[in-house]
Amino acid sequence: MTCDLNRRGFLRKAGALGVGLAAGPFGAPYVARAANSEIRIVSNPGLENATLNALMDELGYFKTYDVDARIIQIPGPTGPFDAIARGAADVCMVSGYNLVLTRIEQGAPVKIVGAGMKKCALTVYARPGGVRTLEGLEGKTFAVGPQHGLLHTLMLQLLKEKGLDASRITFADHGSNEHCFDAVASGAADACLASISHLNDDRGPQVISDGNLWQALPDCVFQTAYAADAALGAKHEGLVAVMAAYGALYDYLMSPASHDAFIDARKRAQKHFDAASAEAIWRFNQKQRPYSRNLTLSEREIGYLQDMDIGVGSLKRKQPFSAVADMSVARAAAARFEA
């Protein structure tokens, strides 16, 4: 699903890339001070990102941390990374794009600068009366996205860590995790990997006993934040302010006080509001606390992602931490956030 960017002035004007510059539906547009101090934050125009953007604007964290920001929305799984790699944006704070390390290995002038959501907010669903455990997937049709895409890669890692043979499962490309869930609901597939937003869904697919990725893959970072090398040099202080603002937002999302604001933001971002999915996400945030306040990633966490990518063949070799990541911004942001 994508948000209705025209609601309440959310779509303000077109940028040079021909995409919406989201100012947020809750208040007056944030006015940039100068192009050379402005941080261009790029994201996908999906429902989850639209909800976070709306909350960020409503809560005023950009102003609290003196952030001069412009949010650029570009569709497609590769869109945000492509924009940063070609110098059209500075940072992506929330991305489930699983080829970041691959693109860096190929020479993209980009570094991982921290984490968005650390815990994987995905689980395995199956048709009622069918598969009940991961072992039961043998001989079944499993809905994922494209080969070596995020869903496929995570599922292969899950099977590997459980000691199960992925070659005994038929993987079918049904697109996004929403489409994969629909494939199981319609009977086109036996099981799928999909968002926790469906935990309250009444259409039929049910969670299998050992399919919660946040439990089964506790070392896997779900969403990374990444920035242009040029921005890390020329806009370091601006990036620190951005990450401090997001740290505050994530901390708020995991607090009980966030319920009404989160639901309201989602109502405004979603054209046809789904109360059940909104509640499922909010409860997940409360119970599992999937975000990190300081946003930093360790060498061990980056190493795990590299090993996973090498295992599926999307990465050729493990590179030094300093070649693919720079945590200086996240560390400085954590100090500012805690101050």
C-alpha atoms as a PDB file:
ATOM      1  CA  MET A   1       0.000   0.000   0.000  1.00  0.00           C
ATOM      2  CA  THR A   2       1.061   3.599  -0.563  1.00  0.00           C
ATOM      3  CA  CYS A   3      -0.109   6.668   1.256  1.00  0.00           C
ATOM      4  CA  ASP A   4      -2.354   9.331  -0.260  1.00  0.00           C
ATOM      5  CA  LEU A   5       0.192  12.115  -0.453  1.00  0.00           C
ATOM      6  CA  ASN A   6      -2.411  14.752  -1.287  1.00  0.00           C
ATOM      7  CA  ARG A   7      -4.244  14.494   2.018  1.00  0.00           C
ATOM      8  CA  ARG A   8      -4.085  17.660   4.147  1.00  0.00           C
ATOM      9  CA  GLY A   9      -1.243  19.228   2.207  1.00  0.00           C
ATOM     10  CA  PHE A  10       1.132  16.279   2.576  1.00  0.00           C
ATOM     11  CA  LEU A  11       2.253  16.743  -1.009  1.00  0.00           C
ATOM     12  CA  ARG A  12       3.726  20.227  -1.179  1.00  0.00           C
ATOM     13  CA  LYS A  13       5.637  20.580  -4.416  1.00  0.00           C
ATOM     14  CA  ALA A  14       7.618  18.628  -6.954  1.00  0.00           C
ATOM     15  CA  GLY A  15      11.398  18.321  -6.622  1.00  0.00           C
ATOM     16  CA  ALA A  16      14.049  18.051  -9.293  1.00  0.00           C
ATOM     17  CA  LEU A  17      13.610  14.302  -9.288  1.00  0.00           C
ATOM     18  CA  GLY A  18       9.915  14.602 -10.043  1.00  0.00           C
ATOM     19  CA  VAL A  19       8.876  13.134  -6.710  1.00  0.00           C
ATOM     20  CA  GLY A  20       6.891  14.474  -3.766  1.00  0.00           C
ATOM     21  CA  LEU A  21       8.645  16.425  -1.033  1.00  0.00           C
ATOM     22  CA  ALA A  22       6.696  15.448   2.033  1.00  0.00           C
ATOM     23  CA  ALA A  23       6.263  18.130   4.669  1.00  0.00           C
ATOM     24  CA  GLY A  24       3.722  16.235   6.736  1.00  0.00           C
ATOM     25  CA  PRO A  25      -0.041  16.479   7.174  1.00  0.00           C
ATOM     26  CA  PHE A  26      -0.161  17.697  10.760  1.00  0.00           C
ATOM     27  CA  GLY A  27       1.261  21.194  10.640  1.00  0.00           C
ATOM     28  CA  ALA A  28       2.891  23.902   8.595  1.00  0.00           C
ATOM     29  CA  PRO A  29       5.598  22.843   6.119  1.00  0.00           C
ATOM     30  CA  TYR A  30       9.103  22.871   7.486  1.00  0.00           C
ATOM     31  CA  VAL A  31      11.017  25.679   5.755  1.00  0.00           C
ATOM     32  CA  ALA A  32      14.568  24.887   4.656  1.00  0.00           C
ATOM     33  CA  ARG A  33      17.179  27.494   5.583  1.00  0.00           C
ATOM     34  CA  ALA A  34      19.720  27.003   2.823  1.00  0.00           C
ATOM     35  CA  ALA A  35      20.483  24.364   0.218  1.00  0.00           C
ATOM     36  CA  ASN A  36      24.012  23.811   1.462  1.00  0.00           C
ATOM     37  CA  SER A  37      22.844  22.962   5.009  1.00  0.00           C
ATOM     38  CA  GLU A  38      19.777  21.027   3.967  1.00  0.00           C
ATOM     39  CA  ILE A  39      19.742  17.265   4.548  1.00  0.00           C
ATOM     40  CA  ARG A  40      17.886  15.411   1.808  1.00  0.00           C
ATOM     41  CA  ILE A  41      16.255  12.369   3.416  1.00  0.00           C
ATOM     42  CA  VAL A  42      15.021   9.818   0.907  1.00  0.00           C
ATOM     43  CA  SER A  43      12.483   7.063   1.523  1.00  0.00           C
ATOM     44  CA  ASN A  44       9.979   4.842  -0.261  1.00  0.00           C
ATOM     45  CA  PRO A  45       6.429   6.246  -0.398  1.00  0.00           C
ATOM     46  CA  GLY A  46       4.971   3.212   1.395  1.00  0.00           C
ATOM     47  CA  LEU A  47       2.496   3.226   4.246  1.00  0.00           C
ATOM     48  CA  GLU A  48       5.023   2.536   7.016  1.00  0.00           C
ATOM     49  CA  ASN A  49       7.326   5.346   5.891  1.00  0.00           C
ATOM     50  CA  ALA A  50       4.374   7.703   5.398  1.00  0.00           C
ATOM     51  CA  THR A  51       3.283   6.990   8.967  1.00  0.00           C
ATOM     52  CA  LEU A  52       6.777   7.705  10.337  1.00  0.00           C
ATOM     53  CA  ASN A  53       7.055  10.896   8.274  1.00  0.00           C
ATOM     54  CA  ALA A  54       3.686  12.083   9.562  1.00  0.00           C
ATOM     55  CA  LEU A  55       4.643  11.346  13.167  1.00  0.00           C
ATOM     56  CA  MET A  56       7.994  13.067  12.778  1.00  0.00           C
ATOM     57  CA  ASP A  57       6.241  16.207  11.573  1.00  0.00           C
ATOM     58  CA  GLU A  58       3.542  16.097  14.249  1.00  0.00           C
ATOM     59  CA  LEU A  59       6.009  15.586  17.111  1.00  0.00           C
ATOM     60  CA  GLY A  60       8.382  18.273  15.874  1.00  0.00           C
ATOM     61  CA  TYR A  61      11.631  16.374  16.410  1.00  0.00           C
ATOM     62  CA  PHE A  62      13.258  17.995  13.378  1.00  0.00           C
ATOM     63  CA  LYS A  63      12.771  21.392  15.005  1.00  0.00           C
ATOM     64  CA  THR A  64      13.792  20.074  18.414  1.00  0.00           C
ATOM     65  CA  TYR A  65      17.161  18.957  17.030  1.00  0.00           C
ATOM     66  CA  ASP A  66      17.518  21.878  14.609  1.00  0.00           C
ATOM     67  CA  VAL A  67      17.287  19.731  11.498  1.00  0.00           C
ATOM     68  CA  ASP A  68      17.069  21.447   8.116  1.00  0.00           C
ATOM     69  CA  ALA A  69      15.392  18.593   6.245  1.00  0.00           C
ATOM     70  CA  ARG A  70      13.737  17.817   2.947  1.00  0.00           C
ATOM     71  CA  ILE A  71      12.058  14.438   2.573  1.00  0.00           C
ATOM     72  CA  ILE A  72      12.179  12.972  -0.926  1.00  0.00           C
ATOM     73  CA  GLN A  73       9.995   9.987  -1.718  1.00  0.00           C
ATOM     74  CA  ILE A  74      11.072   7.616  -4.494  1.00  0.00           C
ATOM     75  CA  PRO A  75       9.286   4.333  -5.240  1.00  0.00           C
ATOM     76  CA  GLY A  76      10.892   0.962  -5.808  1.00  0.00           C
ATOM     77  CA  PRO A  77      13.198  -1.125  -3.617  1.00  0.00           C
ATOM     78  CA  THR A  78      16.332   0.350  -5.232  1.00  0.00           C
ATOM     79  CA  GLY A  79      15.028   3.918  -5.553  1.00  0.00           C
ATOM     80  CA  PRO A  80      16.397   5.441  -2.330  1.00  0.00           C
ATOM     81  CA  PHE A  81      19.828   3.835  -2.696  1.00  0.00           C
ATOM     82  CA  ASP A  82      20.072   4.871  -6.354  1.00  0.00           C
ATOM     83  CA  ALA A  83      19.282   8.481  -5.432  1.00  0.00           C
ATOM     84  CA  ILE A  84      21.997   8.557  -2.774  1.00  0.00           C
ATOM     85  CA  ALA A  85      24.550   6.816  -4.979  1.00  0.00           C
ATOM     86  CA  ARG A  86      24.136   9.405  -7.733  1.00  0.00           C
ATOM     87  CA  GLY A  87      24.242  12.377  -5.356  1.00  0.00           C
ATOM     88  CA  ALA A  88      20.536  13.295  -5.512  1.00  0.00           C
ATOM     89  CA  ALA A  89      19.951  12.584  -1.799  1.00  0.00           C
ATOM     90  CA  ASP A  90      22.031  12.427   1.373  1.00  0.00           C
ATOM     91  CA  VAL A  91      20.629   9.718   3.633  1.00  0.00           C
ATOM     92  CA  CYS A  92      17.998   6.989   3.884  1.00  0.00           C
ATOM     93  CA  MET A  93      16.972   6.342   7.480  1.00  0.00           C
ATOM     94  CA  VAL A  94      14.600   3.401   7.010  1.00  0.00           C
ATOM     95  CA  SER A  95      15.286   0.783   4.350  1.00  0.00           C
ATOM     96  CA  GLY A  96      14.649  -2.916   3.979  1.00  0.00           C
ATOM     97  CA  TYR A  97      16.799  -2.972   0.830  1.00  0.00           C
ATOM     98  CA  ASN A  98      18.988  -6.053   1.213  1.00  0.00           C
ATOM     99  CA  LEU A  99      21.584  -5.275  -1.471  1.00  0.00           C
ATOM    100  CA  VAL A 100      23.181  -2.288   0.267  1.00  0.00           C
ATOM    101  CA  LEU A 101      26.389  -4.217   0.996  1.00  0.00           C
ATOM    102  CA  THR A 102      26.433  -5.596  -2.535  1.00  0.00           C
ATOM    103  CA  ARG A 103      26.165  -2.136  -4.054  1.00  0.00           C
ATOM    104  CA  ILE A 104      28.899  -0.809  -1.771  1.00  0.00           C
ATOM    105  CA  GLU A 105      31.124  -3.721  -2.813  1.00  0.00           C
ATOM    106  CA  GLN A 106      30.462  -2.741  -6.438  1.00  0.00           C
ATOM    107  CA  GLY A 107      31.765   0.758  -5.772  1.00  0.00           C
ATOM    108  CA  ALA A 108      28.790   2.877  -4.740  1.00  0.00           C
ATOM    109  CA  PRO A 109      29.999   5.887  -2.668  1.00  0.00           C
ATOM    110  CA  VAL A 110      27.738   5.010   0.262  1.00  0.00           C
ATOM    111  CA  LYS A 111      28.202   3.812   3.861  1.00  0.00           C
ATOM    112  CA  ILE A 112      25.869   2.129   6.327  1.00  0.00           C
ATOM    113  CA  VAL A 113      25.506   4.664   9.136  1.00  0.00           C
ATOM    114  CA  GLY A 114      23.196   2.864  11.540  1.00  0.00           C
ATOM    115  CA  ALA A 115      19.965   0.993  11.992  1.00  0.00           C
ATOM    116  CA  GLY A 116      16.306   1.717  11.534  1.00  0.00           C
ATOM    117  CA  MET A 117      14.230  -1.170  12.817  1.00  0.00           C
ATOM    118  CA  LYS A 118      16.661  -3.785  14.147  1.00  0.00           C
ATOM    119  CA  LYS A 119      14.315  -6.719  14.726  1.00  0.00           C
ATOM    120  CA  CYS A 120      12.736  -8.365  11.683  1.00  0.00           C
ATOM    121  CA  ALA A 121       9.026  -7.511  11.661  1.00  0.00           C
ATOM    122  CA  LEU A 122       8.143 -10.508   9.503  1.00  0.00           C
ATOM    123  CA  THR A 123       6.702 -13.938  10.183  1.00  0.00           C
ATOM    124  CA  VAL A 124       5.748 -17.075   8.263  1.00  0.00           C
ATOM    125  CA  TYR A 125       2.048 -17.522   7.505  1.00  0.00           C
ATOM    126  CA  ALA A 126       0.381 -20.680   6.186  1.00  0.00           C
ATOM    127  CA  ARG A 127      -3.096 -21.731   5.077  1.00  0.00           C
ATOM    128  CA  PRO A 128      -5.351 -22.981   7.893  1.00  0.00           C
ATOM    129  CA  GLY A 129      -5.140 -26.725   8.318  1.00  0.00           C
ATOM    130  CA  GLY A 130      -1.909 -26.885   6.336  1.00  0.00           C
ATOM    131  CA  VAL A 131       1.714 -26.328   7.320  1.00  0.00           C
ATOM    132  CA  ARG A 132       2.270 -25.914  11.059  1.00  0.00           C
ATOM    133  CA  THR A 133       6.062 -25.829  11.337  1.00  0.00           C
ATOM    134  CA  LEU A 134       9.029 -24.934   9.143  1.00  0.00           C
ATOM    135  CA  GLU A 135       9.773 -28.627   8.660  1.00  0.00           C
ATOM    136  CA  GLY A 136       6.325 -29.007   7.130  1.00  0.00           C
ATOM    137  CA  LEU A 137       7.249 -26.690   4.242  1.00  0.00           C
ATOM    138  CA  GLU A 138       9.008 -29.511   2.379  1.00  0.00           C
ATOM    139  CA  GLY A 139       7.273 -30.081  -0.940  1.00  0.00           C
ATOM    140  CA  LYS A 140       5.153 -26.949  -0.570  1.00  0.00           C
ATOM    141  CA  THR A 141       4.919 -23.719  -2.575  1.00  0.00           C
ATOM    142  CA  PHE A 142       6.259 -20.737  -0.669  1.00  0.00           C
ATOM    143  CA  ALA A 143       5.459 -17.175  -1.771  1.00  0.00           C
ATOM    144  CA  VAL A 144       8.360 -14.715  -1.735  1.00  0.00           C
ATOM    145  CA  GLY A 145       9.462 -11.760  -3.820  1.00  0.00           C
ATOM    146  CA  PRO A 146      12.152 -11.943  -6.512  1.00  0.00           C
ATOM    147  CA  GLN A 147      15.094 -14.329  -6.197  1.00  0.00           C
ATOM    148  CA  HIS A 148      17.638 -13.035  -3.666  1.00  0.00           C
ATOM    149  CA  GLY A 149      15.309 -10.166  -2.791  1.00  0.00           C
ATOM    150  CA  LEU A 150      14.707  -9.373   0.875  1.00  0.00           C
ATOM    151  CA  LEU A 151      11.986 -11.969   1.512  1.00  0.00           C
ATOM    152  CA  HIS A 152      13.817 -14.733  -0.339  1.00  0.00           C
ATOM    153  CA  THR A 153      17.154 -13.975   1.348  1.00  0.00           C
ATOM    154  CA  LEU A 154      15.657 -13.903   4.841  1.00  0.00           C
ATOM    155  CA  MET A 155      13.760 -17.123   4.251  1.00  0.00           C
ATOM    156  CA  LEU A 156      16.895 -18.882   3.000  1.00  0.00           C
ATOM    157  CA  GLN A 157      18.751 -17.681   6.101  1.00  0.00           C
ATOM    158  CA  LEU A 158      15.961 -18.916   8.355  1.00  0.00           C
ATOM    159  CA  LEU A 159      15.979 -22.379   6.774  1.00  0.00           C
ATOM    160  CA  LYS A 160      19.771 -22.515   6.932  1.00  0.00           C
ATOM    161  CA  GLU A 161      19.864 -21.689  10.640  1.00  0.00           C
ATOM    162  CA  LYS A 162      17.174 -24.295  11.299  1.00  0.00           C
ATOM    163  CA  GLY A 163      19.150 -26.932   9.373  1.00  0.00           C
ATOM    164  CA  LEU A 164      16.463 -27.351   6.702  1.00  0.00           C
ATOM    165  CA  ASP A 165      16.974 -27.924   2.973  1.00  0.00           C
ATOM    166  CA  ALA A 166      15.648 -24.977   0.951  1.00  0.00           C
ATOM    167  CA  SER A 167      15.907 -26.972  -2.284  1.00  0.00           C
ATOM    168  CA  ARG A 168      12.946 -29.075  -1.138  1.00  0.00           C
ATOM    169  CA  ILE A 169      10.684 -26.014  -1.204  1.00  0.00           C
ATOM    170  CA  THR A 170       9.273 -24.355  -4.332  1.00  0.00           C
ATOM    171  CA  PHE A 171       9.754 -20.591  -4.087  1.00  0.00           C
ATOM    172  CA  ALA A 172       7.339 -18.507  -6.158  1.00  0.00           C
ATOM    173  CA  ASP A 173       7.752 -14.785  -6.868  1.00  0.00           C
ATOM    174  CA  HIS A 174       4.539 -13.030  -5.867  1.00  0.00           C
ATOM    175  CA  GLY A 175       6.042  -9.569  -5.419  1.00  0.00           C
ATOM    176  CA  SER A 176       5.742  -7.611  -2.177  1.00  0.00           C
ATOM    177  CA  ASN A 177       5.025  -9.204   1.189  1.00  0.00           C
ATOM    178  CA  GLU A 178       1.448  -7.890   0.875  1.00  0.00           C
ATOM    179  CA  HIS A 179       1.035  -9.782  -2.386  1.00  0.00           C
ATOM    180  CA  CYS A 180       2.645 -12.862  -0.857  1.00  0.00           C
ATOM    181  CA  PHE A 181       0.095 -12.806   1.974  1.00  0.00           C
ATOM    182  CA  ASP A 182      -2.691 -12.425  -0.594  1.00  0.00           C
ATOM    183  CA  ALA A 183      -1.326 -15.451  -2.493  1.00  0.00           C
ATOM    184  CA  VAL A 184      -1.693 -17.622   0.612  1.00  0.00           C
ATOM    185  CA  ALA A 185      -5.128 -16.187   1.404  1.00  0.00           C
ATOM    186  CA  SER A 186      -6.324 -17.001  -2.130  1.00  0.00           C
ATOM    187  CA  GLY A 187      -4.785 -20.485  -2.169  1.00  0.00           C
ATOM    188  CA  ALA A 188      -2.149 -19.672  -4.781  1.00  0.00           C
ATOM    189  CA  ALA A 189       0.612 -20.621  -2.317  1.00  0.00           C
ATOM    190  CA  ASP A 190       0.861 -22.793   0.782  1.00  0.00           C
ATOM    191  CA  ALA A 191       2.833 -20.344   2.911  1.00  0.00           C
ATOM    192  CA  CYS A 192       4.653 -17.020   2.780  1.00  0.00           C
ATOM    193  CA  LEU A 193       6.865 -14.571   4.648  1.00  0.00           C
ATOM    194  CA  ALA A 194       4.933 -11.373   5.363  1.00  0.00           C
ATOM    195  CA  SER A 195       4.575  -8.398   7.668  1.00  0.00           C
ATOM    196  CA  ILE A 196       3.501  -8.580  11.300  1.00  0.00           C
ATOM    197  CA  SER A 197       0.785  -6.102  10.275  1.00  0.00           C
ATOM    198  CA  HIS A 198      -1.267  -9.200   9.360  1.00  0.00           C
ATOM    199  CA  LEU A 199      -1.167 -10.690  12.854  1.00  0.00           C
ATOM    200  CA  ASN A 200      -4.750  -9.506  13.429  1.00  0.00           C
ATOM    201  CA  ASP A 201      -5.919 -10.297   9.889  1.00  0.00           C
ATOM    202  CA  ASP A 202      -9.060 -12.427   9.673  1.00  0.00           C
ATOM    203  CA  ARG A 203      -8.610 -13.619   6.082  1.00  0.00           C
ATOM    204  CA  GLY A 204      -7.291 -17.062   6.998  1.00  0.00           C
ATOM    205  CA  PRO A 205      -3.482 -17.378   6.885  1.00  0.00           C
ATOM    206  CA  GLN A 206      -2.075 -18.234  10.291  1.00  0.00           C
ATOM    207  CA  VAL A 207       1.374 -17.892  11.874  1.00  0.00           C
ATOM    208  CA  ILE A 208       3.300 -21.154  12.119  1.00  0.00           C
ATOM    209  CA  SER A 209       4.895 -22.012  15.435  1.00  0.00           C
ATOM    210  CA  ASP A 210       8.568 -21.312  14.605  1.00  0.00           C
ATOM    211  CA  GLY A 211       8.154 -18.647  11.942  1.00  0.00           C
ATOM    212  CA  ASN A 212       8.661 -15.373  13.853  1.00  0.00           C
ATOM    213  CA  LEU A 213      11.831 -13.885  12.387  1.00  0.00           C
ATOM    214  CA  TRP A 214      12.496 -11.528  15.296  1.00  0.00           C
ATOM    215  CA  GLN A 215      12.852 -14.648  17.455  1.00  0.00           C
ATOM    216  CA  ALA A 216      14.322 -17.067  14.913  1.00  0.00           C
ATOM    217  CA  LEU A 217      16.909 -14.592  13.519  1.00  0.00           C
ATOM    218  CA  PRO A 218      17.763 -12.423  16.546  1.00  0.00           C
ATOM    219  CA  ASP A 219      21.129 -11.324  15.096  1.00  0.00           C
ATOM    220  CA  CYS A 220      19.678 -10.100  11.794  1.00  0.00           C
ATOM    221  CA  VAL A 221      19.247  -6.331  11.364  1.00  0.00           C
ATOM    222  CA  PHE A 222      16.014  -5.741   9.450  1.00  0.00           C
ATOM    223  CA  GLN A 223      16.498  -2.152   8.284  1.00  0.00           C
ATOM    224  CA  THR A 224      19.744  -0.248   7.843  1.00  0.00           C
ATOM    225  CA  ALA A 225      20.293   3.485   7.493  1.00  0.00           C
ATOM    226  CA  TYR A 226      22.835   4.559   4.874  1.00  0.00           C
ATOM    227  CA  ALA A 227      24.305   7.841   3.664  1.00  0.00           C
ATOM    228  CA  ALA A 228      26.413   9.237   0.844  1.00  0.00           C
ATOM    229  CA  ASP A 229      30.147   9.448   1.490  1.00  0.00           C
ATOM    230  CA  ALA A 230      29.956  13.084   0.364  1.00  0.00           C
ATOM    231  CA  ALA A 231      27.310  13.876   2.992  1.00  0.00           C
ATOM    232  CA  LEU A 232      29.332  12.159   5.716  1.00  0.00           C
ATOM    233  CA  GLY A 233      32.113  14.603   4.965  1.00  0.00           C
ATOM    234  CA  ALA A 234      30.348  17.848   4.086  1.00  0.00           C
ATOM    235  CA  LYS A 235      27.135  17.510   6.129  1.00  0.00           C
ATOM    236  CA  HIS A 236      28.306  15.553   9.157  1.00  0.00           C
ATOM    237  CA  GLU A 237      26.688  17.792  11.784  1.00  0.00           C
ATOM    238  CA  GLY A 238      23.421  17.888   9.860  1.00  0.00           C
ATOM    239  CA  LEU A 239      23.359  14.096   9.713  1.00  0.00           C
ATOM    240  CA  VAL A 240      24.007  13.927  13.465  1.00  0.00           C
ATOM    241  CA  ALA A 241      20.935  16.095  14.040  1.00  0.00           C
ATOM    242  CA  VAL A 242      18.849  13.907  11.713  1.00  0.00           C
ATOM    243  CA  MET A 243      19.828  10.707  13.496  1.00  0.00           C
ATOM    244  CA  ALA A 244      19.189  12.258  16.908  1.00  0.00           C
ATOM    245  CA  ALA A 245      15.691  13.205  15.743  1.00  0.00           C
ATOM    246  CA  TYR A 246      15.021   9.668  14.525  1.00  0.00           C
ATOM    247  CA  GLY A 247      16.377   8.227  17.752  1.00  0.00           C
ATOM    248  CA  ALA A 248      13.819  10.326  19.627  1.00  0.00           C
ATOM    249  CA  LEU A 249      11.057   9.200  17.265  1.00  0.00           C
ATOM    250  CA  TYR A 250      11.923   5.502  17.677  1.00  0.00           C
ATOM    251  CA  ASP A 251      12.055   5.857  21.452  1.00  0.00           C
ATOM    252  CA  TYR A 252       8.602   7.448  21.400  1.00  0.00           C
ATOM    253  CA  LEU A 253       7.193   4.720  19.117  1.00  0.00           C
ATOM    254  CA  MET A 254       8.135   2.089  21.713  1.00  0.00           C
ATOM    255  CA  SER A 255       6.415   3.951  24.556  1.00  0.00           C
ATOM    256  CA  PRO A 256       2.775   3.421  25.641  1.00  0.00           C
ATOM    257  CA  ALA A 257       2.190   7.155  25.222  1.00  0.00           C
ATOM    258  CA  SER A 258       2.510   6.794  21.423  1.00  0.00           C
ATOM    259  CA  HIS A 259      -0.732   4.885  20.837  1.00  0.00           C
ATOM    260  CA  ASP A 260      -3.141   7.660  19.900  1.00  0.00           C
ATOM    261  CA  ALA A 261      -0.616   9.634  17.874  1.00  0.00           C
ATOM    262  CA  PHE A 262       0.481   6.500  15.997  1.00  0.00           C
ATOM    263  CA  ILE A 263      -3.088   5.481  15.154  1.00  0.00           C
ATOM    264  CA  ASP A 264      -3.972   9.017  14.096  1.00  0.00           C
ATOM    265  CA  ALA A 265      -0.885   9.275  11.884  1.00  0.00           C
ATOM    266  CA  ARG A 266      -1.726   5.983  10.233  1.00  0.00           C
ATOM    267  CA  LYS A 267      -5.315   7.051   9.628  1.00  0.00           C
ATOM    268  CA  ARG A 268      -4.095  10.118   7.807  1.00  0.00           C
ATOM    269  CA  ALA A 269      -1.462   8.232   5.824  1.00  0.00           C
ATOM    270  CA  GLN A 270      -3.670   5.309   4.771  1.00  0.00           C
ATOM    271  CA  LYS A 271      -6.427   5.972   2.254  1.00  0.00           C
ATOM    272  CA  HIS A 272      -8.589   3.156   3.586  1.00  0.00           C
ATOM    273  CA  PHE A 273      -7.651   2.851   7.241  1.00  0.00           C
ATOM    274  CA  ASP A 274      -7.103  -0.707   8.530  1.00  0.00           C
ATOM    275  CA  ALA A 275      -7.512  -0.585  12.303  1.00  0.00           C
ATOM    276  CA  ALA A 276      -6.481  -4.226  12.824  1.00  0.00           C
ATOM    277  CA  SER A 277      -3.114  -3.826  11.066  1.00  0.00           C
ATOM    278  CA  ALA A 278      -2.405  -0.529  12.827  1.00  0.00           C
ATOM    279  CA  GLU A 279      -3.010  -2.123  16.235  1.00  0.00           C
ATOM    280  CA  ALA A 280      -0.852  -5.123  15.300  1.00  0.00           C
ATOM    281  CA  ILE A 281       2.098  -2.875  14.481  1.00  0.00           C
ATOM    282  CA  TRP A 282       1.692  -0.703  17.567  1.00  0.00           C
ATOM    283  CA  ARG A 283       1.519  -3.767  19.842  1.00  0.00           C
ATOM    284  CA  PHE A 284       4.582  -5.257  18.157  1.00  0.00           C
ATOM    285  CA  ASN A 285       6.491  -2.038  18.821  1.00  0.00           C
ATOM    286  CA  GLN A 286       5.495  -2.158  22.485  1.00  0.00           C
ATOM    287  CA  LYS A 287       6.187  -5.829  23.121  1.00  0.00           C
ATOM    288  CA  GLN A 288       9.244  -6.484  20.969  1.00  0.00           C
ATOM    289  CA  ARG A 289      10.836  -3.015  21.086  1.00  0.00           C
ATOM    290  CA  PRO A 290      12.347  -3.476  17.617  1.00  0.00           C
ATOM    291  CA  TYR A 291      14.102  -0.126  17.360  1.00  0.00           C
ATOM    292  CA  SER A 292      17.350   1.060  18.913  1.00  0.00           C
ATOM    293  CA  ARG A 293      17.585   4.410  20.647  1.00  0.00           C
ATOM    294  CA  ASN A 294      21.189   5.080  19.607  1.00  0.00           C
ATOM    295  CA  LEU A 295      20.941   3.537  16.103  1.00  0.00           C
ATOM    296  CA  THR A 296      24.529   2.241  16.100  1.00  0.00           C
ATOM    297  CA  LEU A 297      25.494  -1.093  14.579  1.00  0.00           C
ATOM    298  CA  SER A 298      28.408  -3.246  15.713  1.00  0.00           C
ATOM    299  CA  GLU A 299      31.023  -5.021  13.618  1.00  0.00           C
ATOM    300  CA  ARG A 300      29.359  -8.284  14.616  1.00  0.00           C
ATOM    301  CA  GLU A 301      25.977  -7.114  13.269  1.00  0.00           C
ATOM    302  CA  ILE A 302      27.457  -5.918   9.981  1.00  0.00           C
ATOM    303  CA  GLY A 303      29.435  -9.160   9.767  1.00  0.00           C
ATOM    304  CA  TYR A 304      26.236 -11.182  10.148  1.00  0.00           C
ATOM    305  CA  LEU A 305      24.637  -9.329   7.230  1.00  0.00           C
ATOM    306  CA  GLN A 306      27.749  -9.882   5.126  1.00  0.00           C
ATOM    307  CA  ASP A 307      27.786 -13.608   5.911  1.00  0.00           C
ATOM    308  CA  MET A 308      24.100 -13.874   5.009  1.00  0.00           C
ATOM    309  CA  ASP A 309      24.658 -12.124   1.666  1.00  0.00           C
ATOM    310  CA  ILE A 310      27.695 -14.279   0.906  1.00  0.00           C
ATOM    311  CA  GLY A 311      25.635 -17.362   1.709  1.00  0.00           C
ATOM    312  CA  VAL A 312      23.018 -16.555  -0.942  1.00  0.00           C
ATOM    313  CA  GLY A 313      25.619 -15.376  -3.464  1.00  0.00           C
ATOM    314  CA  SER A 314      24.727 -11.674  -3.579  1.00  0.00           C
ATOM    315  CA  LEU A 315      28.053 -10.665  -1.990  1.00  0.00           C
ATOM    316  CA  LYS A 316      31.442 -11.927  -3.128  1.00  0.00           C
ATOM    317  CA  ARG A 317      33.552 -11.403  -0.023  1.00  0.00           C
ATOM    318  CA  LYS A 318      33.607  -9.887   3.430  1.00  0.00           C
ATOM    319  CA  GLN A 319      34.993  -6.360   3.525  1.00  0.00           C
ATOM    320  CA  PRO A 320      36.459  -4.516   6.526  1.00  0.00           C
ATOM    321  CA  PHE A 321      33.928  -2.738   8.713  1.00  0.00           C
ATOM    322  CA  SER A 322      35.412   0.666   7.891  1.00  0.00           C
ATOM    323  CA  ALA A 323      34.976   0.022   4.164  1.00  0.00           C
ATOM    324  CA  VAL A 324      31.226  -0.447   4.403  1.00  0.00           C
ATOM    325  CA  ALA A 325      30.134   1.371   7.576  1.00  0.00           C
ATOM    326  CA  ASP A 326      30.680   4.614   9.481  1.00  0.00           C
ATOM    327  CA  MET A 327      29.127   4.842  12.942  1.00  0.00           C
ATOM    328  CA  SER A 328      30.570   8.258  13.844  1.00  0.00           C
ATOM    329  CA  VAL A 329      27.289  10.024  13.093  1.00  0.00           C
ATOM    330  CA  ALA A 330      25.192   7.536  15.075  1.00  0.00           C
ATOM    331  CA  ARG A 331      27.518   7.749  18.072  1.00  0.00           C
ATOM    332  CA  ALA A 332      27.411  11.550  18.071  1.00  0.00           C
ATOM    333  CA  ALA A 333      23.616  11.467  17.646  1.00  0.00           C
ATOM    334  CA  ALA A 334      23.265   9.087  20.599  1.00  0.00           C
ATOM    335  CA  ALA A 335      25.260  11.482  22.785  1.00  0.00           C
ATOM    336  CA  ARG A 336      23.046  14.377  21.705  1.00  0.00           C
ATOM    337  CA  PHE A 337      19.853  12.377  22.176  1.00  0.00           C
ATOM    338  CA  GLU A 338      20.866  11.304  25.665  1.00  0.00           C
ATOM    339  CA  ALA A 339      21.942  14.835  26.664  1.00  0.00           C
END
